[in-house]
């Protein structure tokens, strides 16, 4: 793992050359993919770093999304809006993500998990569009920090109990008394907020709406996955307590997903709609993880990868429309099929990916998660049925409102799309649909 971390650090020296950073990130992604050609559970061990199957998948996703972020942010280079600083912040964020997903020690994991917050905040404050970005940044900072400090205390308690914080060597909390209940909630609350679960999700739409396209793509593509990854790493430490409280997490996430779906149906801001849809999808991921089944775990990982690619692509599309029309409102962005016909295909392909249509890997993940949660409780069928129905409803609402109808009278001419933009969209869509051919790559063997 160190070779990739050093490569990432060395790239910071070349931030004056935008094209070099772009090519290097794709090259880094390709080289890393060549290193997972064996059946060992953990590879690249050294200095408390190493990646198992799950870490490998999420590191690949981080590198891929970061390379696409640089491709999609050409306007920063064209307007000369501090492009070198922008690249430095993105490379530091990628460094934090690499350390998080390859950490084999809980304390290193916690430090890198928290350090990813600072570059994201700088992205929102430095390159955001609206004056409300400061409020959005503060919301994100305080929600995440408020939930994360109890996690640090919990990890120190584990260290005092077992003398080690190495993953796999930390003793499980077996008892079921009040202190263990508090310990359990302190440990997983940080990841639940990061996911984010309904009730603690308010920071996400604000951060997405105010962030530049790079911030939105990174938030949707990778940073939300930190919550799911953290839950997979810590839930097995509380086997007894988690069984007692899994009903609570499943209830809140499924019902919250339905409520958020209703909220999506009344959004007029495209970015806000895509952000709220992320909350609904991640609710299903949370319910799959807490029922402690193999189907739930694997389905959650597949949805995390699929949602990362699909949601990032939708934010990229929303930004392309915003750059041309100067608005993200669905009341203004109508009739885009007449206005930008060739982008209409990408709107359609990524929208059906968002509603988990075949052959996307989102369908594979949703089938696994539905099987897992329904086998845990038959009653959850009603909530999951509503969630699946409204997931399709708000995606169709977004597609039909933006593509159909008469376009805005004050718009005269527009570039339908550049080759670089089509390339970015294709690189989002291709893995989303092609990975279903080789599902063994994204189904970790827990």
Protein backbone atom coordinates (compact mmCIF):
# COMPACT_ATOMS: atom_id res chain seq x y z
CA UNK A 1 0.00 0.00 0.00
CA UNK A 2 2.88 2.38 0.70
CA UNK A 3 3.87 2.60 -2.97
CA UNK A 4 0.44 4.02 -3.87
CA UNK A 5 0.46 6.43 -0.93
CA UNK A 6 3.92 7.70 -1.94
CA UNK A 7 2.78 8.01 -5.55
CA UNK A 8 -0.17 10.11 -4.38
CA UNK A 9 2.11 12.36 -2.29
CA UNK A 10 4.57 12.77 -5.20
CA UNK A 11 1.74 13.93 -7.47
CA UNK A 12 1.33 17.02 -5.26
CA UNK A 13 4.67 18.26 -6.66
CA UNK A 14 3.19 18.29 -10.20
CA UNK A 15 0.00 20.28 -9.55
CA UNK A 16 0.95 22.88 -12.17
CA UNK A 17 0.36 20.25 -14.89
CA UNK A 18 -3.38 19.46 -14.91
CA UNK A 19 -3.13 16.85 -17.71
CA UNK A 20 -0.31 15.01 -15.89
CA UNK A 21 -2.40 14.64 -12.71
CA UNK A 22 -5.35 13.32 -14.76
CA UNK A 23 -3.28 10.67 -16.57
CA UNK A 24 -1.40 9.71 -13.38
CA UNK A 25 -4.61 9.06 -11.42
CA UNK A 26 -5.97 6.76 -14.14
CA UNK A 27 -2.57 5.04 -14.31
CA UNK A 28 -2.52 4.64 -10.51
CA UNK A 29 -5.99 3.08 -10.68
CA UNK A 30 -4.86 0.63 -13.38
CA UNK A 31 -1.68 -0.37 -11.52
CA UNK A 32 -3.65 -0.91 -8.29
CA UNK A 33 -6.16 -3.12 -10.11
CA UNK A 34 -3.26 -5.35 -11.25
CA UNK A 35 -2.22 -6.00 -7.64
CA UNK A 36 -5.35 -7.93 -6.64
CA UNK A 37 -4.63 -11.11 -8.57
CA UNK A 38 -4.55 -13.56 -5.65
CA UNK A 39 -6.88 -15.23 -3.15
CA UNK A 40 -5.30 -14.07 0.12
CA UNK A 41 -7.60 -12.19 2.46
CA UNK A 42 -5.19 -9.28 3.12
CA UNK A 43 -2.49 -7.94 0.79
CA UNK A 44 0.06 -5.13 0.78
CA UNK A 45 0.72 -5.35 4.53
CA UNK A 46 3.20 -2.98 6.13
CA UNK A 47 3.26 -0.13 8.68
CA UNK A 48 -0.32 -0.82 9.87
CA UNK A 49 -1.57 -0.67 6.28
CA UNK A 50 -3.02 -3.38 4.09
CA UNK A 51 -6.11 -4.03 2.01
CA UNK A 52 -8.51 -6.94 2.14
CA UNK A 53 -11.21 -7.52 -0.49
CA UNK A 54 -13.49 -4.81 0.91
CA UNK A 55 -10.70 -2.23 1.23
CA UNK A 56 -9.50 -3.03 -2.29
CA UNK A 57 -12.95 -2.36 -3.79
CA UNK A 58 -13.33 0.99 -2.01
CA UNK A 59 -9.76 2.13 -2.76
CA UNK A 60 -10.40 1.39 -6.45
CA UNK A 61 -13.65 3.38 -6.25
CA UNK A 62 -11.84 6.32 -4.56
CA UNK A 63 -9.08 6.47 -7.21
CA UNK A 64 -11.58 6.14 -10.07
CA UNK A 65 -13.96 8.83 -8.76
CA UNK A 66 -11.05 11.19 -8.02
CA UNK A 67 -9.73 10.81 -11.58
CA UNK A 68 -13.23 11.57 -12.91
CA UNK A 69 -13.52 14.58 -10.57
CA UNK A 70 -10.42 16.13 -12.12
CA UNK A 71 -11.85 15.46 -15.61
CA UNK A 72 -15.21 17.01 -14.71
CA UNK A 73 -13.72 20.16 -13.14
CA UNK A 74 -12.19 21.63 -16.32
CA UNK A 75 -14.07 24.91 -15.73
CA UNK A 76 -11.82 25.61 -12.71
CA UNK A 77 -8.79 25.40 -14.99
CA UNK A 78 -10.43 27.51 -17.71
CA UNK A 79 -11.51 30.29 -15.34
CA UNK A 80 -8.14 30.06 -13.53
CA UNK A 81 -9.93 29.76 -10.18
CA UNK A 82 -6.82 28.62 -8.27
CA UNK A 83 -6.41 25.31 -10.19
CA UNK A 84 -3.21 24.29 -8.37
CA UNK A 85 -4.82 24.70 -4.96
CA UNK A 86 -7.82 22.71 -6.16
CA UNK A 87 -5.60 19.80 -7.23
CA UNK A 88 -3.65 19.87 -3.95
CA UNK A 89 -6.89 19.70 -1.91
CA UNK A 90 -8.20 16.79 -4.01
CA UNK A 91 -4.93 14.85 -3.75
CA UNK A 92 -4.86 15.36 0.03
CA UNK A 93 -8.43 14.09 0.19
CA UNK A 94 -7.46 11.01 -1.83
CA UNK A 95 -4.51 10.45 0.54
CA UNK A 96 -6.90 10.52 3.54
CA UNK A 97 -9.23 8.04 1.78
CA UNK A 98 -6.35 5.67 0.89
CA UNK A 99 -5.20 5.67 4.52
CA UNK A 100 -8.76 5.12 5.78
CA UNK A 101 -9.53 2.14 3.56
CA UNK A 102 -6.11 0.51 4.01
CA UNK A 103 -5.73 1.02 7.79
CA UNK A 104 -5.43 -2.21 9.80
CA UNK A 105 -5.39 -0.29 13.08
CA UNK A 106 -8.54 1.31 14.49
CA UNK A 107 -6.74 4.46 15.71
CA UNK A 108 -5.14 5.12 12.30
CA UNK A 109 -8.54 4.45 10.75
CA UNK A 110 -10.16 7.01 13.07
CA UNK A 111 -7.51 9.71 12.39
CA UNK A 112 -7.69 9.33 8.60
CA UNK A 113 -11.51 9.02 8.75
CA UNK A 114 -11.67 12.41 10.47
CA UNK A 115 -8.94 14.04 8.36
CA UNK A 116 -11.00 13.51 5.18
CA UNK A 117 -13.38 16.15 6.57
CA UNK A 118 -10.87 19.03 6.26
CA UNK A 119 -10.19 18.87 2.47
CA UNK A 120 -13.95 18.45 1.86
CA UNK A 121 -14.65 21.56 3.92
CA UNK A 122 -11.98 23.50 1.98
CA UNK A 123 -13.55 22.35 -1.31
CA UNK A 124 -16.99 23.62 -0.25
CA UNK A 125 -15.72 26.92 1.18
CA UNK A 126 -13.15 27.63 -1.53
CA UNK A 127 -14.88 26.59 -4.75
CA UNK A 128 -18.57 26.54 -3.77
CA UNK A 129 -21.08 28.67 -5.67
CA UNK A 130 -23.48 30.24 -3.16
CA UNK A 131 -23.04 32.52 -0.13
CA UNK A 132 -24.71 29.85 2.05
CA UNK A 133 -21.69 27.56 1.62
CA UNK A 134 -20.24 28.70 4.97
CA UNK A 135 -23.41 27.55 6.77
CA UNK A 136 -23.32 24.26 4.83
CA UNK A 137 -19.66 23.72 5.77
CA UNK A 138 -20.35 24.42 9.46
CA UNK A 139 -23.33 22.03 9.38
CA UNK A 140 -21.18 19.27 7.94
CA UNK A 141 -18.32 19.94 10.35
CA UNK A 142 -20.40 19.96 13.53
CA UNK A 143 -22.65 17.03 12.62
CA UNK A 144 -19.63 14.86 11.87
CA UNK A 145 -17.42 16.01 14.76
CA UNK A 146 -20.23 15.81 17.31
CA UNK A 147 -20.77 12.16 16.41
CA UNK A 148 -17.07 11.26 16.08
CA UNK A 149 -15.72 12.27 19.48
CA UNK A 150 -17.59 9.47 21.33
CA UNK A 151 -16.03 7.03 18.84
CA UNK A 152 -12.54 8.05 19.97
CA UNK A 153 -13.47 7.43 23.62
CA UNK A 154 -14.92 4.05 22.61
CA UNK A 155 -11.73 3.03 20.76
CA UNK A 156 -9.61 3.99 23.78
CA UNK A 157 -11.90 1.83 25.94
CA UNK A 158 -11.29 -1.10 23.59
CA UNK A 159 -7.54 -0.50 23.92
CA UNK A 160 -7.68 -0.51 27.72
CA UNK A 161 -9.80 -3.68 27.62
CA UNK A 162 -7.72 -5.76 25.19
CA UNK A 163 -4.34 -4.01 24.84
CA UNK A 164 -4.59 -3.75 21.06
CA UNK A 165 -6.45 -1.79 18.40
CA UNK A 166 -5.41 -3.99 15.46
CA UNK A 167 -8.43 -5.09 13.44
CA UNK A 168 -9.18 -8.73 14.18
CA UNK A 169 -7.44 -8.70 17.57
CA UNK A 170 -9.84 -6.40 19.44
CA UNK A 171 -11.99 -8.38 21.92
CA UNK A 172 -15.78 -8.30 21.41
CA UNK A 173 -18.06 -6.74 24.03
CA UNK A 174 -20.07 -9.78 25.16
CA UNK A 175 -22.16 -8.45 28.06
CA UNK A 176 -25.57 -6.79 27.62
CA UNK A 177 -25.74 -4.21 30.41
CA UNK A 178 -26.45 -0.46 30.20
CA UNK A 179 -22.77 0.52 29.85
CA UNK A 180 -22.39 -1.81 26.85
CA UNK A 181 -25.51 -0.26 25.28
CA UNK A 182 -23.99 3.22 25.62
CA UNK A 183 -20.65 1.93 24.36
CA UNK A 184 -22.38 0.43 21.29
CA UNK A 185 -24.22 3.66 20.41
CA UNK A 186 -21.07 5.78 20.94
CA UNK A 187 -19.13 3.50 18.57
CA UNK A 188 -21.54 3.32 15.65
CA UNK A 189 -23.16 6.77 15.84
CA UNK A 190 -20.24 8.39 13.98
CA UNK A 191 -20.70 6.03 11.03
CA UNK A 192 -24.48 6.36 11.06
CA UNK A 193 -24.15 10.16 10.72
CA UNK A 194 -21.58 9.79 7.95
CA UNK A 195 -23.78 7.32 6.04
CA UNK A 196 -26.15 9.36 6.66
CA UNK A 197 -29.18 7.82 8.34
CA UNK A 198 -32.54 9.61 8.30
CA UNK A 199 -32.85 12.01 11.31
CA UNK A 200 -29.12 12.88 11.15
CA UNK A 201 -29.04 13.57 7.40
CA UNK A 202 -29.62 17.34 7.31
CA UNK A 203 -25.97 18.18 6.66
CA UNK A 204 -25.88 16.18 3.41
CA UNK A 205 -28.35 18.12 1.16
CA UNK A 206 -26.88 21.44 2.36
CA UNK A 207 -23.31 20.30 1.64
CA UNK A 208 -24.27 18.92 -1.79
CA UNK A 209 -26.18 22.01 -2.91
CA UNK A 210 -23.42 24.43 -1.90
CA UNK A 211 -20.45 22.30 -3.00
CA UNK A 212 -18.81 22.58 -6.44
CA UNK A 213 -19.16 19.62 -8.80
CA UNK A 214 -15.95 18.10 -7.38
CA UNK A 215 -17.29 18.30 -3.81
CA UNK A 216 -20.62 16.73 -4.80
CA UNK A 217 -18.99 13.91 -6.76
CA UNK A 218 -16.57 13.09 -3.94
CA UNK A 219 -19.28 13.31 -1.26
CA UNK A 220 -21.69 11.06 -3.15
CA UNK A 221 -19.06 8.79 -4.68
CA UNK A 222 -16.77 8.01 -1.77
CA UNK A 223 -17.31 9.93 1.48
CA UNK A 224 -20.73 8.43 2.21
CA UNK A 225 -19.11 5.00 1.82
CA UNK A 226 -16.87 5.74 4.81
CA UNK A 227 -19.94 5.24 7.02
CA UNK A 228 -20.80 1.85 5.54
CA UNK A 229 -17.16 0.74 5.62
CA UNK A 230 -16.83 1.78 9.27
CA UNK A 231 -20.01 -0.11 10.23
CA UNK A 232 -18.70 -3.30 8.60
CA UNK A 233 -15.46 -2.90 10.61
CA UNK A 234 -17.04 -2.25 14.05
CA UNK A 235 -20.44 -3.98 14.16
CA UNK A 236 -18.99 -7.44 14.79
CA UNK A 237 -17.44 -6.09 18.04
CA UNK A 238 -20.96 -5.91 19.52
CA UNK A 239 -22.67 -9.14 18.39
CA UNK A 240 -25.16 -9.43 21.26
CA UNK A 241 -26.13 -5.75 21.58
CA UNK A 242 -26.54 -5.34 17.83
CA UNK A 243 -29.08 -8.18 17.73
CA UNK A 244 -31.12 -6.36 20.38
CA UNK A 245 -31.14 -3.01 18.53
CA UNK A 246 -31.23 -4.06 14.87
CA UNK A 247 -35.03 -3.53 14.84
CA UNK A 248 -34.45 0.16 15.65
CA UNK A 249 -31.94 0.78 12.84
CA UNK A 250 -34.00 -1.13 10.25
CA UNK A 251 -37.21 0.72 11.24
CA UNK A 252 -35.62 4.17 11.09
CA UNK A 253 -33.73 3.52 7.85
CA UNK A 254 -36.65 1.95 5.92
CA UNK A 255 -39.34 4.39 7.13
CA UNK A 256 -36.88 7.28 6.83
CA UNK A 257 -36.15 6.21 3.26
CA UNK A 258 -39.88 6.34 2.43
CA UNK A 259 -40.24 9.80 4.01
CA UNK A 260 -37.15 11.08 2.16
CA UNK A 261 -38.61 9.69 -1.09
CA UNK A 262 -41.70 11.85 -0.53
CA UNK A 263 -39.39 14.82 0.05
CA UNK A 264 -37.63 14.05 -3.25
CA UNK A 265 -40.96 14.30 -5.08
CA UNK A 266 -41.35 17.93 -4.04
CA UNK A 267 -37.81 19.16 -4.73
CA UNK A 268 -37.26 21.75 -7.44
CA UNK A 269 -33.46 21.81 -7.17
CA UNK A 270 -31.85 18.98 -9.17
CA UNK A 271 -28.80 18.67 -6.87
CA UNK A 272 -31.02 18.65 -3.80
CA UNK A 273 -33.16 15.87 -5.30
CA UNK A 274 -30.12 13.70 -6.07
CA UNK A 275 -28.74 14.36 -2.55
CA UNK A 276 -31.99 13.30 -0.85
CA UNK A 277 -32.12 10.17 -3.03
CA UNK A 278 -28.68 9.26 -1.59
CA UNK A 279 -30.21 9.28 1.91
CA UNK A 280 -32.92 6.82 0.76
CA UNK A 281 -30.37 4.46 -0.84
CA UNK A 282 -28.02 4.56 2.13
CA UNK A 283 -30.94 3.74 4.46
CA UNK A 284 -31.30 0.41 2.70
CA UNK A 285 -27.54 -0.15 3.07
CA UNK A 286 -27.75 0.46 6.84
CA UNK A 287 -30.64 -1.98 7.26
CA UNK A 288 -28.73 -4.64 5.30
CA UNK A 289 -25.63 -4.23 7.48
CA UNK A 290 -27.32 -4.39 10.91
CA UNK A 291 -29.23 -7.63 10.28
CA UNK A 292 -25.86 -9.45 10.28
CA UNK A 293 -26.40 -11.65 7.24
CA UNK A 294 -24.02 -12.52 4.41
CA UNK A 295 -26.59 -11.37 1.84
CA UNK A 296 -26.95 -8.04 3.64
CA UNK A 297 -23.21 -7.42 3.88
CA UNK A 298 -22.46 -8.21 0.24
CA UNK A 299 -25.56 -6.36 -1.02
CA UNK A 300 -24.53 -3.30 0.98
CA UNK A 301 -21.04 -3.28 -0.58
CA UNK A 302 -22.45 -3.67 -4.10
CA UNK A 303 -24.95 -0.83 -3.53
CA UNK A 304 -22.14 1.37 -2.15
CA UNK A 305 -20.10 0.88 -5.33
CA UNK A 306 -23.12 1.23 -7.65
CA UNK A 307 -24.50 4.27 -5.87
CA UNK A 308 -21.04 5.88 -5.85
CA UNK A 309 -20.76 5.65 -9.64
CA UNK A 310 -24.41 6.45 -10.44
CA UNK A 311 -24.88 9.36 -8.03
CA UNK A 312 -21.54 10.89 -8.99
CA UNK A 313 -22.55 10.73 -12.67
CA UNK A 314 -25.90 12.41 -11.95
CA UNK A 315 -24.17 15.26 -10.09
CA UNK A 316 -21.82 15.60 -13.04
CA UNK A 317 -24.82 15.89 -15.40
CA UNK A 318 -26.52 18.43 -13.12
CA UNK A 319 -23.33 20.53 -13.19
CA UNK A 320 -23.18 20.41 -17.02
CA UNK A 321 -26.72 21.82 -17.15
CA UNK A 322 -25.87 24.42 -14.50
CA UNK A 323 -22.79 25.62 -16.44
CA UNK A 324 -24.92 26.23 -19.54
CA UNK A 325 -28.17 27.56 -18.05
CA UNK A 326 -26.94 29.13 -14.81
CA UNK A 327 -29.71 27.44 -12.81
CA UNK A 328 -30.35 24.12 -11.11
CA UNK A 329 -34.10 24.62 -10.81
CA UNK A 330 -36.42 22.09 -12.46
CA UNK A 331 -38.75 25.01 -13.20
CA UNK A 332 -36.10 26.54 -15.49
CA UNK A 333 -34.39 23.36 -16.72
CA UNK A 334 -37.25 22.03 -18.82
CA UNK A 335 -37.25 20.59 -22.32
CA UNK A 336 -33.55 19.73 -22.21
CA UNK A 337 -34.23 16.95 -24.72
CA UNK A 338 -34.90 19.66 -27.35
CA UNK A 339 -32.10 21.83 -26.08
CA UNK A 340 -29.30 19.29 -25.52
CA UNK A 341 -30.50 16.12 -27.29
CA UNK A 342 -27.28 14.11 -27.09
CA UNK A 343 -27.08 14.57 -23.30
CA UNK A 344 -30.62 13.17 -23.04
CA UNK A 345 -29.28 9.63 -23.52
CA UNK A 346 -26.93 10.01 -20.55
CA UNK A 347 -29.74 11.43 -18.42
CA UNK A 348 -31.78 8.33 -19.27
CA UNK A 349 -28.96 5.81 -18.69
CA UNK A 350 -27.93 7.24 -15.32
CA UNK A 351 -31.56 7.73 -14.21
CA UNK A 352 -32.43 4.08 -14.80
CA UNK A 353 -29.23 3.19 -12.94
CA UNK A 354 -30.49 5.29 -10.01
CA UNK A 355 -33.76 3.31 -9.91
CA UNK A 356 -31.83 -0.02 -10.00
CA UNK A 357 -32.87 -1.22 -13.44
CA UNK A 358 -31.00 -4.10 -15.11
CA UNK A 359 -28.19 -4.57 -16.06
CA UNK A 360 -26.74 -2.20 -13.44
CA UNK A 361 -25.04 -3.57 -10.33
CA UNK A 362 -27.56 -1.53 -8.29
CA UNK A 363 -30.14 -4.19 -9.17
CA UNK A 364 -27.85 -6.95 -7.89
CA UNK A 365 -27.25 -5.06 -4.64
CA UNK A 366 -30.93 -4.25 -4.07
CA UNK A 367 -31.99 -7.88 -4.63
CA UNK A 368 -29.41 -9.01 -2.04
CA UNK A 369 -30.48 -6.36 0.47
CA UNK A 370 -34.21 -7.05 0.00
CA UNK A 371 -33.63 -10.79 0.49
CA UNK A 372 -31.60 -10.10 3.61
CA UNK A 373 -34.05 -7.71 5.30
CA UNK A 374 -37.20 -9.65 4.33
CA UNK A 375 -35.70 -12.92 5.64
CA UNK A 376 -35.01 -11.08 8.91
CA UNK A 377 -38.62 -9.80 9.17
CA UNK A 378 -41.57 -10.35 6.85
CA UNK A 379 -43.12 -7.10 8.10
CA UNK A 380 -40.37 -5.07 6.43
CA UNK A 381 -41.80 -6.02 3.02
CA UNK A 382 -44.28 -3.12 3.17
CA UNK A 383 -41.59 -0.51 3.80
CA UNK A 384 -39.19 -1.96 1.22
CA UNK A 385 -42.00 -2.15 -1.36
CA UNK A 386 -42.81 1.54 -0.83
CA UNK A 387 -39.12 2.44 -0.90
CA UNK A 388 -38.56 0.65 -4.22
CA UNK A 389 -41.70 2.15 -5.77
CA UNK A 390 -40.93 5.73 -4.77
CA UNK A 391 -37.28 5.31 -5.76
CA UNK A 392 -38.52 4.79 -9.32
CA UNK A 393 -41.14 7.57 -8.90
CA UNK A 394 -38.76 10.40 -7.95
CA UNK A 395 -36.18 9.35 -10.55
CA UNK A 396 -38.85 9.42 -13.28
CA UNK A 397 -40.05 12.76 -11.90
CA UNK A 398 -36.53 14.19 -12.21
CA UNK A 399 -36.03 12.78 -15.71
CA UNK A 400 -39.42 13.81 -17.13
CA UNK A 401 -39.38 17.29 -15.53
CA UNK A 402 -35.89 18.06 -16.86
CA UNK A 403 -36.08 16.46 -20.32
CA UNK A 404 -39.68 16.97 -21.44
CA UNK A 405 -41.82 20.06 -21.91
CA UNK A 406 -41.11 23.44 -23.51
CA UNK A 407 -37.68 24.87 -22.86
CA UNK A 408 -37.23 28.26 -21.24
CA UNK A 409 -37.93 31.13 -23.69
CA UNK A 410 -34.90 33.22 -22.75
CA UNK A 411 -32.50 30.46 -23.83
CA UNK A 412 -31.28 30.86 -27.41
CA UNK A 413 -28.32 28.65 -28.22
CA UNK A 414 -26.30 26.09 -26.35
CA UNK A 415 -23.46 23.63 -26.82
CA UNK A 416 -25.01 20.17 -26.49
CA UNK A 417 -21.92 18.56 -25.00
CA UNK A 418 -18.15 18.28 -25.35
CA UNK A 419 -16.17 15.10 -25.97
CA UNK A 420 -14.51 15.35 -22.53
CA UNK A 421 -17.95 15.51 -20.87
CA UNK A 422 -19.17 12.44 -22.76
CA UNK A 423 -15.99 10.64 -21.73
CA UNK A 424 -16.59 11.42 -18.03
CA UNK A 425 -20.21 10.24 -18.25
CA UNK A 426 -19.22 7.05 -20.09
CA UNK A 427 -16.57 6.27 -17.45
CA UNK A 428 -19.30 6.55 -14.79
CA UNK A 429 -21.79 4.41 -16.69
CA UNK A 430 -19.50 1.70 -18.08
CA UNK A 431 -18.32 0.13 -14.77
CA UNK A 432 -21.84 0.49 -13.37
CA UNK A 433 -23.18 -1.85 -16.08
CA UNK A 434 -20.16 -3.98 -17.01
CA UNK A 435 -19.30 -5.11 -13.45
CA UNK A 436 -22.44 -7.28 -13.35
CA UNK A 437 -20.64 -9.62 -15.80
CA UNK A 438 -17.93 -10.27 -13.20
CA UNK A 439 -19.74 -9.97 -9.86
CA UNK A 440 -16.96 -11.82 -7.99
CA UNK A 441 -14.93 -8.58 -8.17
CA UNK A 442 -17.42 -6.65 -6.07
CA UNK A 443 -18.82 -9.40 -3.82
CA UNK A 444 -16.39 -9.53 -0.88
CA UNK A 445 -16.06 -12.88 0.85
CA UNK A 446 -16.61 -11.95 4.49
